[in-house]
């Protein structure tokens, strides 16, 4: 399961990277949320943070970039199993 989630996260990162520069953060976050939900992940968290705050969120992975690269969208699977 962890391998599947890691592969999904990597694929998601590459699929949205080209779109991230032309969309605002809220729109991109909504699209990422929909894609993750459609892949059956039910218990997860997404958040938008400034670039300098990324390292403050342990366990989160960067899955998108917005606001001309000044902000990142972070993902964390909250499944405890």
PDB file of N, CA and C in Angstrom:
ATOM      1  N   UNK A   1       0.820  -1.191   0.000  1.00  0.00           N
ATOM      2  CA  UNK A   1       0.000   0.000   0.000  1.00  0.00           C
ATOM      3  C   UNK A   1       0.873   1.267   0.000  1.00  0.00           C
ATOM      4  N   UNK A   2       1.946   1.256   0.823  1.00  0.00           N
ATOM      5  CA  UNK A   2       2.817   2.417   0.871  1.00  0.00           C
ATOM      6  C   UNK A   2       3.488   2.663  -0.476  1.00  0.00           C
ATOM      7  N   UNK A   3       3.867   1.572  -1.153  1.00  0.00           N
ATOM      8  CA  UNK A   3       4.507   1.706  -2.462  1.00  0.00           C
ATOM      9  C   UNK A   3       3.530   2.324  -3.462  1.00  0.00           C
ATOM     10  N   UNK A   4       2.277   1.877  -3.423  1.00  0.00           N
ATOM     11  CA  UNK A   4       1.256   2.410  -4.315  1.00  0.00           C
ATOM     12  C   UNK A   4       1.045   3.899  -4.064  1.00  0.00           C
ATOM     13  N   UNK A   5       0.991   4.292  -2.801  1.00  0.00           N
ATOM     14  CA  UNK A   5       0.799   5.695  -2.462  1.00  0.00           C
ATOM     15  C   UNK A   5       1.991   6.525  -2.920  1.00  0.00           C
ATOM     16  N   UNK A   6       3.196   5.998  -2.730  1.00  0.00           N
ATOM     17  CA  UNK A   6       4.393   6.716  -3.174  1.00  0.00           C
ATOM     18  C   UNK A   6       4.405   6.893  -4.686  1.00  0.00           C
ATOM     19  N   UNK A   7       4.040   5.836  -5.413  1.00  0.00           N
ATOM     20  CA  UNK A   7       3.988   5.931  -6.869  1.00  0.00           C
ATOM     21  C   UNK A   7       2.931   6.931  -7.313  1.00  0.00           C
ATOM     22  N   UNK A   8       1.776   6.892  -6.644  1.00  0.00           N
ATOM     23  CA  UNK A   8       0.703   7.827  -6.978  1.00  0.00           C
ATOM     24  C   UNK A   8       1.154   9.264  -6.737  1.00  0.00           C
ATOM     25  N   UNK A   9       1.799   9.488  -5.601  1.00  0.00           N
ATOM     26  CA  UNK A   9       2.262  10.832  -5.260  1.00  0.00           C
ATOM     27  C   UNK A   9       3.267  11.335  -6.285  1.00  0.00           C
ATOM     28  N   UNK A  10       4.193  10.501  -6.685  1.00  0.00           N
ATOM     29  CA  UNK A  10       5.185  10.901  -7.688  1.00  0.00           C
ATOM     30  C   UNK A  10       4.510  11.219  -9.021  1.00  0.00           C
ATOM     31  N   UNK A  11       3.568  10.370  -9.421  1.00  0.00           N
ATOM     32  CA  UNK A  11       2.855  10.608 -10.682  1.00  0.00           C
ATOM     33  C   UNK A  11       2.054  11.901 -10.615  1.00  0.00           C
ATOM     34  N   UNK A  12       1.435  12.141  -9.475  1.00  0.00           N
ATOM     35  CA  UNK A  12       0.654  13.355  -9.299  1.00  0.00           C
ATOM     36  C   UNK A  12       1.538  14.582  -9.384  1.00  0.00           C
ATOM     37  N   UNK A  13       2.695  14.527  -8.760  1.00  0.00           N
ATOM     38  CA  UNK A  13       3.621  15.653  -8.789  1.00  0.00           C
ATOM     39  C   UNK A  13       3.995  16.001 -10.223  1.00  0.00           C
ATOM     40  N   UNK A  14       4.333  15.015 -11.025  1.00  0.00           N
ATOM     41  CA  UNK A  14       4.721  15.275 -12.403  1.00  0.00           C
ATOM     42  C   UNK A  14       3.547  15.708 -13.267  1.00  0.00           C
ATOM     43  N   UNK A  15       2.349  15.208 -12.976  1.00  0.00           N
ATOM     44  CA  UNK A  15       1.203  15.554 -13.804  1.00  0.00           C
ATOM     45  C   UNK A  15       0.725  16.975 -13.584  1.00  0.00           C
ATOM     46  N   UNK A  16       0.927  17.523 -12.399  1.00  0.00           N
ATOM     47  CA  UNK A  16       0.444  18.870 -12.136  1.00  0.00           C
ATOM     48  C   UNK A  16       1.530  19.936 -12.265  1.00  0.00           C
ATOM     49  N   UNK A  17       2.764  19.536 -12.395  1.00  0.00           N
ATOM     50  CA  UNK A  17       3.839  20.532 -12.408  1.00  0.00           C
ATOM     51  C   UNK A  17       3.703  21.510 -13.576  1.00  0.00           C
ATOM     52  N   UNK A  18       3.289  21.052 -14.730  1.00  0.00           N
ATOM     53  CA  UNK A  18       3.143  21.943 -15.876  1.00  0.00           C
ATOM     54  C   UNK A  18       1.969  22.890 -15.699  1.00  0.00           C
ATOM     55  N   UNK A  19       0.932  22.450 -15.004  1.00  0.00           N
ATOM     56  CA  UNK A  19      -0.252  23.268 -14.812  1.00  0.00           C
ATOM     57  C   UNK A  19      -0.076  24.272 -13.677  1.00  0.00           C
ATOM     58  N   UNK A  20       0.824  24.019 -12.770  1.00  0.00           N
ATOM     59  CA  UNK A  20       0.935  24.806 -11.547  1.00  0.00           C
ATOM     60  C   UNK A  20       1.239  26.282 -11.811  1.00  0.00           C
ATOM     61  N   UNK A  21       1.937  26.582 -12.864  1.00  0.00           N
ATOM     62  CA  UNK A  21       2.327  27.960 -13.119  1.00  0.00           C
ATOM     63  C   UNK A  21       1.179  28.816 -13.621  1.00  0.00           C
ATOM     64  N   UNK A  22       0.138  28.230 -14.180  1.00  0.00           N
ATOM     65  CA  UNK A  22      -0.943  29.021 -14.758  1.00  0.00           C
ATOM     66  C   UNK A  22      -2.197  29.045 -13.892  1.00  0.00           C
ATOM     67  N   UNK A  23      -2.234  28.317 -12.799  1.00  0.00           N
ATOM     68  CA  UNK A  23      -3.415  28.255 -11.945  1.00  0.00           C
ATOM     69  C   UNK A  23      -3.135  28.872 -10.591  1.00  0.00           C
ATOM     70  N   UNK A  24      -4.194  29.424  -9.998  1.00  0.00           N
ATOM     71  CA  UNK A  24      -3.990  29.931  -8.654  1.00  0.00           C
ATOM     72  C   UNK A  24      -4.002  28.760  -7.669  1.00  0.00           C
ATOM     73  N   UNK A  25      -3.551  29.012  -6.463  1.00  0.00           N
ATOM     74  CA  UNK A  25      -3.363  27.942  -5.477  1.00  0.00           C
ATOM     75  C   UNK A  25      -4.666  27.234  -5.114  1.00  0.00           C
ATOM     76  N   UNK A  26      -5.735  27.983  -4.936  1.00  0.00           N
ATOM     77  CA  UNK A  26      -7.009  27.358  -4.564  1.00  0.00           C
ATOM     78  C   UNK A  26      -7.521  26.424  -5.653  1.00  0.00           C
ATOM     79  N   UNK A  27      -7.428  26.868  -6.888  1.00  0.00           N
ATOM     80  CA  UNK A  27      -7.880  26.048  -8.006  1.00  0.00           C
ATOM     81  C   UNK A  27      -7.045  24.774  -8.133  1.00  0.00           C
ATOM     82  N   UNK A  28      -5.731  24.909  -8.023  1.00  0.00           N
ATOM     83  CA  UNK A  28      -4.852  23.755  -8.138  1.00  0.00           C
ATOM     84  C   UNK A  28      -5.052  22.800  -6.967  1.00  0.00           C
ATOM     85  N   UNK A  29      -5.215  23.338  -5.769  1.00  0.00           N
ATOM     86  CA  UNK A  29      -5.452  22.497  -4.593  1.00  0.00           C
ATOM     87  C   UNK A  29      -6.749  21.696  -4.761  1.00  0.00           C
ATOM     88  N   UNK A  30      -7.791  22.331  -5.286  1.00  0.00           N
ATOM     89  CA  UNK A  30      -9.055  21.632  -5.535  1.00  0.00           C
ATOM     90  C   UNK A  30      -8.881  20.501  -6.548  1.00  0.00           C
ATOM     91  N   UNK A  31      -8.121  20.751  -7.613  1.00  0.00           N
ATOM     92  CA  UNK A  31      -7.883  19.716  -8.621  1.00  0.00           C
ATOM     93  C   UNK A  31      -7.095  18.542  -8.034  1.00  0.00           C
ATOM     94  N   UNK A  32      -6.078  18.843  -7.254  1.00  0.00           N
ATOM     95  CA  UNK A  32      -5.281  17.783  -6.637  1.00  0.00           C
ATOM     96  C   UNK A  32      -6.145  16.981  -5.663  1.00  0.00           C
ATOM     97  N   UNK A  33      -6.964  17.667  -4.884  1.00  0.00           N
ATOM     98  CA  UNK A  33      -7.865  16.997  -3.939  1.00  0.00           C
ATOM     99  C   UNK A  33      -8.786  16.024  -4.680  1.00  0.00           C
ATOM    100  N   UNK A  34      -9.345  16.467  -5.786  1.00  0.00           N
ATOM    101  CA  UNK A  34     -10.240  15.624  -6.583  1.00  0.00           C
ATOM    102  C   UNK A  34      -9.505  14.401  -7.122  1.00  0.00           C
ATOM    103  N   UNK A  35      -8.304  14.593  -7.642  1.00  0.00           N
ATOM    104  CA  UNK A  35      -7.537  13.473  -8.194  1.00  0.00           C
ATOM    105  C   UNK A  35      -7.198  12.443  -7.126  1.00  0.00           C
ATOM    106  N   UNK A  36      -6.790  12.908  -5.959  1.00  0.00           N
ATOM    107  CA  UNK A  36      -6.451  11.983  -4.873  1.00  0.00           C
ATOM    108  C   UNK A  36      -7.695  11.223  -4.421  1.00  0.00           C
ATOM    109  N   UNK A  37      -8.801  11.931  -4.246  1.00  0.00           N
ATOM    110  CA  UNK A  37     -10.059  11.293  -3.846  1.00  0.00           C
ATOM    111  C   UNK A  37     -10.526  10.272  -4.874  1.00  0.00           C
ATOM    112  N   UNK A  38     -10.406  10.615  -6.145  1.00  0.00           N
ATOM    113  CA  UNK A  38     -10.825   9.699  -7.216  1.00  0.00           C
ATOM    114  C   UNK A  38      -9.965   8.440  -7.279  1.00  0.00           C
ATOM    115  N   UNK A  39      -8.781   8.488  -6.680  1.00  0.00           N
ATOM    116  CA  UNK A  39      -7.915   7.312  -6.627  1.00  0.00           C
ATOM    117  C   UNK A  39      -8.135   6.498  -5.360  1.00  0.00           C
ATOM    118  N   UNK A  40      -9.191   6.801  -4.631  1.00  0.00           N
ATOM    119  CA  UNK A  40      -9.583   5.989  -3.487  1.00  0.00           C
ATOM    120  C   UNK A  40      -8.938   6.348  -2.166  1.00  0.00           C
ATOM    121  N   UNK A  41      -8.144   7.390  -2.124  1.00  0.00           N
ATOM    122  CA  UNK A  41      -7.540   7.808  -0.860  1.00  0.00           C
ATOM    123  C   UNK A  41      -8.588   8.637  -0.116  1.00  0.00           C
ATOM    124  N   UNK A  42      -8.900   8.212   1.110  1.00  0.00           N
ATOM    125  CA  UNK A  42      -9.980   8.872   1.849  1.00  0.00           C
ATOM    126  C   UNK A  42      -9.499   9.780   2.969  1.00  0.00           C
ATOM    127  N   UNK A  43      -8.404   9.447   3.602  1.00  0.00           N
ATOM    128  CA  UNK A  43      -7.975  10.180   4.786  1.00  0.00           C
ATOM    129  C   UNK A  43      -6.624  10.835   4.508  1.00  0.00           C
ATOM    130  N   UNK A  44      -6.659  12.077   4.022  1.00  0.00           N
ATOM    131  CA  UNK A  44      -5.435  12.784   3.673  1.00  0.00           C
ATOM    132  C   UNK A  44      -5.586  14.270   3.955  1.00  0.00           C
ATOM    133  N   UNK A  45      -4.468  14.960   3.925  1.00  0.00           N
ATOM    134  CA  UNK A  45      -4.467  16.396   4.166  1.00  0.00           C
ATOM    135  C   UNK A  45      -3.691  17.082   3.056  1.00  0.00           C
ATOM    136  N   UNK A  46      -4.217  18.199   2.586  1.00  0.00           N
ATOM    137  CA  UNK A  46      -3.526  19.074   1.638  1.00  0.00           C
ATOM    138  C   UNK A  46      -3.423  20.450   2.271  1.00  0.00           C
ATOM    139  N   UNK A  47      -2.317  21.113   2.037  1.00  0.00           N
ATOM    140  CA  UNK A  47      -2.189  22.489   2.515  1.00  0.00           C
ATOM    141  C   UNK A  47      -1.286  23.275   1.581  1.00  0.00           C
ATOM    142  N   UNK A  48      -1.551  24.576   1.514  1.00  0.00           N
ATOM    143  CA  UNK A  48      -0.736  25.493   0.723  1.00  0.00           C
ATOM    144  C   UNK A  48       0.142  26.273   1.691  1.00  0.00           C
ATOM    145  N   UNK A  49       1.450  26.273   1.418  1.00  0.00           N
ATOM    146  CA  UNK A  49       2.392  26.984   2.284  1.00  0.00           C
ATOM    147  C   UNK A  49       3.392  27.766   1.437  1.00  0.00           C
ATOM    148  N   UNK A  50       3.994  28.767   2.046  1.00  0.00           N
ATOM    149  CA  UNK A  50       5.084  29.485   1.394  1.00  0.00           C
ATOM    150  C   UNK A  50       6.280  28.551   1.267  1.00  0.00           C
ATOM    151  N   UNK A  51       7.129  28.798   0.288  1.00  0.00           N
ATOM    152  CA  UNK A  51       8.301  27.946   0.061  1.00  0.00           C
ATOM    153  C   UNK A  51       9.153  27.763   1.308  1.00  0.00           C
ATOM    154  N   UNK A  52       9.318  28.821   2.085  1.00  0.00           N
ATOM    155  CA  UNK A  52      10.194  28.734   3.254  1.00  0.00           C
ATOM    156  C   UNK A  52       9.565  27.963   4.418  1.00  0.00           C
ATOM    157  N   UNK A  53       8.314  27.539   4.289  1.00  0.00           N
ATOM    158  CA  UNK A  53       7.638  26.776   5.334  1.00  0.00           C
ATOM    159  C   UNK A  53       7.576  25.278   5.040  1.00  0.00           C
ATOM    160  N   UNK A  54       8.015  24.854   3.879  1.00  0.00           N
ATOM    161  CA  UNK A  54       7.892  23.456   3.468  1.00  0.00           C
ATOM    162  C   UNK A  54       8.549  22.515   4.469  1.00  0.00           C
ATOM    163  N   UNK A  55       9.745  22.820   4.899  1.00  0.00           N
ATOM    164  CA  UNK A  55      10.485  21.936   5.802  1.00  0.00           C
ATOM    165  C   UNK A  55       9.880  21.853   7.198  1.00  0.00           C
ATOM    166  N   UNK A  56       8.971  22.750   7.527  1.00  0.00           N
ATOM    167  CA  UNK A  56       8.338  22.755   8.845  1.00  0.00           C
ATOM    168  C   UNK A  56       7.236  21.703   8.968  1.00  0.00           C
ATOM    169  N   UNK A  57       6.875  21.056   7.869  1.00  0.00           N
ATOM    170  CA  UNK A  57       5.748  20.123   7.853  1.00  0.00           C
ATOM    171  C   UNK A  57       6.257  18.700   7.606  1.00  0.00           C
ATOM    172  N   UNK A  58       6.689  18.070   8.668  1.00  0.00           N
ATOM    173  CA  UNK A  58       7.259  16.720   8.600  1.00  0.00           C
ATOM    174  C   UNK A  58       6.210  15.715   8.121  1.00  0.00           C
ATOM    175  N   UNK A  59       6.625  14.852   7.226  1.00  0.00           N
ATOM    176  CA  UNK A  59       5.741  13.819   6.710  1.00  0.00           C
ATOM    177  C   UNK A  59       4.929  14.237   5.496  1.00  0.00           C
ATOM    178  N   UNK A  60       4.988  15.498   5.133  1.00  0.00           N
ATOM    179  CA  UNK A  60       4.264  15.989   3.957  1.00  0.00           C
ATOM    180  C   UNK A  60       5.173  15.952   2.737  1.00  0.00           C
ATOM    181  N   UNK A  61       4.558  15.768   1.571  1.00  0.00           N
ATOM    182  CA  UNK A  61       5.286  15.765   0.306  1.00  0.00           C
ATOM    183  C   UNK A  61       4.757  16.893  -0.570  1.00  0.00           C
ATOM    184  N   UNK A  62       5.633  17.527  -1.311  1.00  0.00           N
ATOM    185  CA  UNK A  62       5.235  18.579  -2.239  1.00  0.00           C
ATOM    186  C   UNK A  62       4.599  17.922  -3.458  1.00  0.00           C
ATOM    187  N   UNK A  63       3.363  18.312  -3.769  1.00  0.00           N
ATOM    188  CA  UNK A  63       2.662  17.753  -4.922  1.00  0.00           C
ATOM    189  C   UNK A  63       2.242  18.824  -5.920  1.00  0.00           C
ATOM    190  N   UNK A  64       2.582  20.071  -5.648  1.00  0.00           N
ATOM    191  CA  UNK A  64       2.235  21.132  -6.573  1.00  0.00           C
ATOM    192  C   UNK A  64       2.927  22.426  -6.207  1.00  0.00           C
ATOM    193  N   UNK A  65       2.959  23.335  -7.166  1.00  0.00           N
ATOM    194  CA  UNK A  65       3.562  24.638  -6.978  1.00  0.00           C
ATOM    195  C   UNK A  65       2.639  25.677  -7.607  1.00  0.00           C
ATOM    196  N   UNK A  66       2.478  26.821  -6.937  1.00  0.00           N
ATOM    197  CA  UNK A  66       1.568  27.845  -7.457  1.00  0.00           C
ATOM    198  C   UNK A  66       2.111  29.234  -7.104  1.00  0.00           C
ATOM    199  N   UNK A  67       1.363  30.253  -7.493  1.00  0.00           N
ATOM    200  CA  UNK A  67       1.783  31.643  -7.291  1.00  0.00           C
ATOM    201  C   UNK A  67       3.186  31.867  -7.846  1.00  0.00           C
ATOM    202  N   UNK A  68       3.358  31.478  -9.098  1.00  0.00           N
ATOM    203  CA  UNK A  68       4.632  31.633  -9.808  1.00  0.00           C
ATOM    204  C   UNK A  68       5.785  30.967  -9.067  1.00  0.00           C
ATOM    205  N   UNK A  69       5.488  29.842  -8.405  1.00  0.00           N
ATOM    206  CA  UNK A  69       6.515  29.079  -7.719  1.00  0.00           C
ATOM    207  C   UNK A  69       6.815  29.534  -6.303  1.00  0.00           C
ATOM    208  N   UNK A  70       6.102  30.531  -5.801  1.00  0.00           N
ATOM    209  CA  UNK A  70       6.392  31.044  -4.460  1.00  0.00           C
ATOM    210  C   UNK A  70       5.695  30.249  -3.354  1.00  0.00           C
ATOM    211  N   UNK A  71       4.731  29.409  -3.726  1.00  0.00           N
ATOM    212  CA  UNK A  71       4.028  28.579  -2.756  1.00  0.00           C
ATOM    213  C   UNK A  71       3.996  27.136  -3.235  1.00  0.00           C
ATOM    214  N   UNK A  72       3.899  26.231  -2.276  1.00  0.00           N
ATOM    215  CA  UNK A  72       3.842  24.802  -2.579  1.00  0.00           C
ATOM    216  C   UNK A  72       2.566  24.215  -1.988  1.00  0.00           C
ATOM    217  N   UNK A  73       2.061  23.171  -2.642  1.00  0.00           N
ATOM    218  CA  UNK A  73       0.933  22.409  -2.122  1.00  0.00           C
ATOM    219  C   UNK A  73       1.500  21.115  -1.559  1.00  0.00           C
ATOM    220  N   UNK A  74       1.204  20.865  -0.292  1.00  0.00           N
ATOM    221  CA  UNK A  74       1.732  19.700   0.410  1.00  0.00           C
ATOM    222  C   UNK A  74       0.645  18.671   0.619  1.00  0.00           C
ATOM    223  N   UNK A  75       1.051  17.396   0.590  1.00  0.00           N
ATOM    224  CA  UNK A  75       0.145  16.257   0.750  1.00  0.00           C
ATOM    225  C   UNK A  75       0.665  15.342   1.841  1.00  0.00           C
ATOM    226  N   UNK A  76      -0.269  14.827   2.640  1.00  0.00           N
ATOM    227  CA  UNK A  76       0.079  13.799   3.629  1.00  0.00           C
ATOM    228  C   UNK A  76      -1.076  12.819   3.718  1.00  0.00           C
ATOM    229  N   UNK A  77      -0.764  11.532   3.578  1.00  0.00           N
ATOM    230  CA  UNK A  77      -1.765  10.500   3.751  1.00  0.00           C
ATOM    231  C   UNK A  77      -1.884  10.245   5.254  1.00  0.00           C
ATOM    232  N   UNK A  78      -3.086  10.338   5.774  1.00  0.00           N
ATOM    233  CA  UNK A  78      -3.318  10.186   7.205  1.00  0.00           C
ATOM    234  C   UNK A  78      -3.780   8.801   7.579  1.00  0.00           C
ATOM    235  N   UNK A  79      -3.763   7.863   6.617  1.00  0.00           N
ATOM    236  CA  UNK A  79      -4.169   6.478   6.868  1.00  0.00           C
ATOM    237  C   UNK A  79      -3.253   5.858   7.918  1.00  0.00           C
ATOM    238  N   UNK A  80      -3.834   5.288   8.930  1.00  0.00           N
ATOM    239  CA  UNK A  80      -3.065   4.662  10.013  1.00  0.00           C
ATOM    240  C   UNK A  80      -3.311   3.170  10.006  1.00  0.00           C
ATOM    241  N   UNK A  81      -2.732   2.463   9.062  1.00  0.00           N
ATOM    242  CA  UNK A  81      -2.999   1.039   9.000  1.00  0.00           C
ATOM    243  C   UNK A  81      -1.870   0.206   8.545  1.00  0.00           C
TER     244      UNK A  81
END
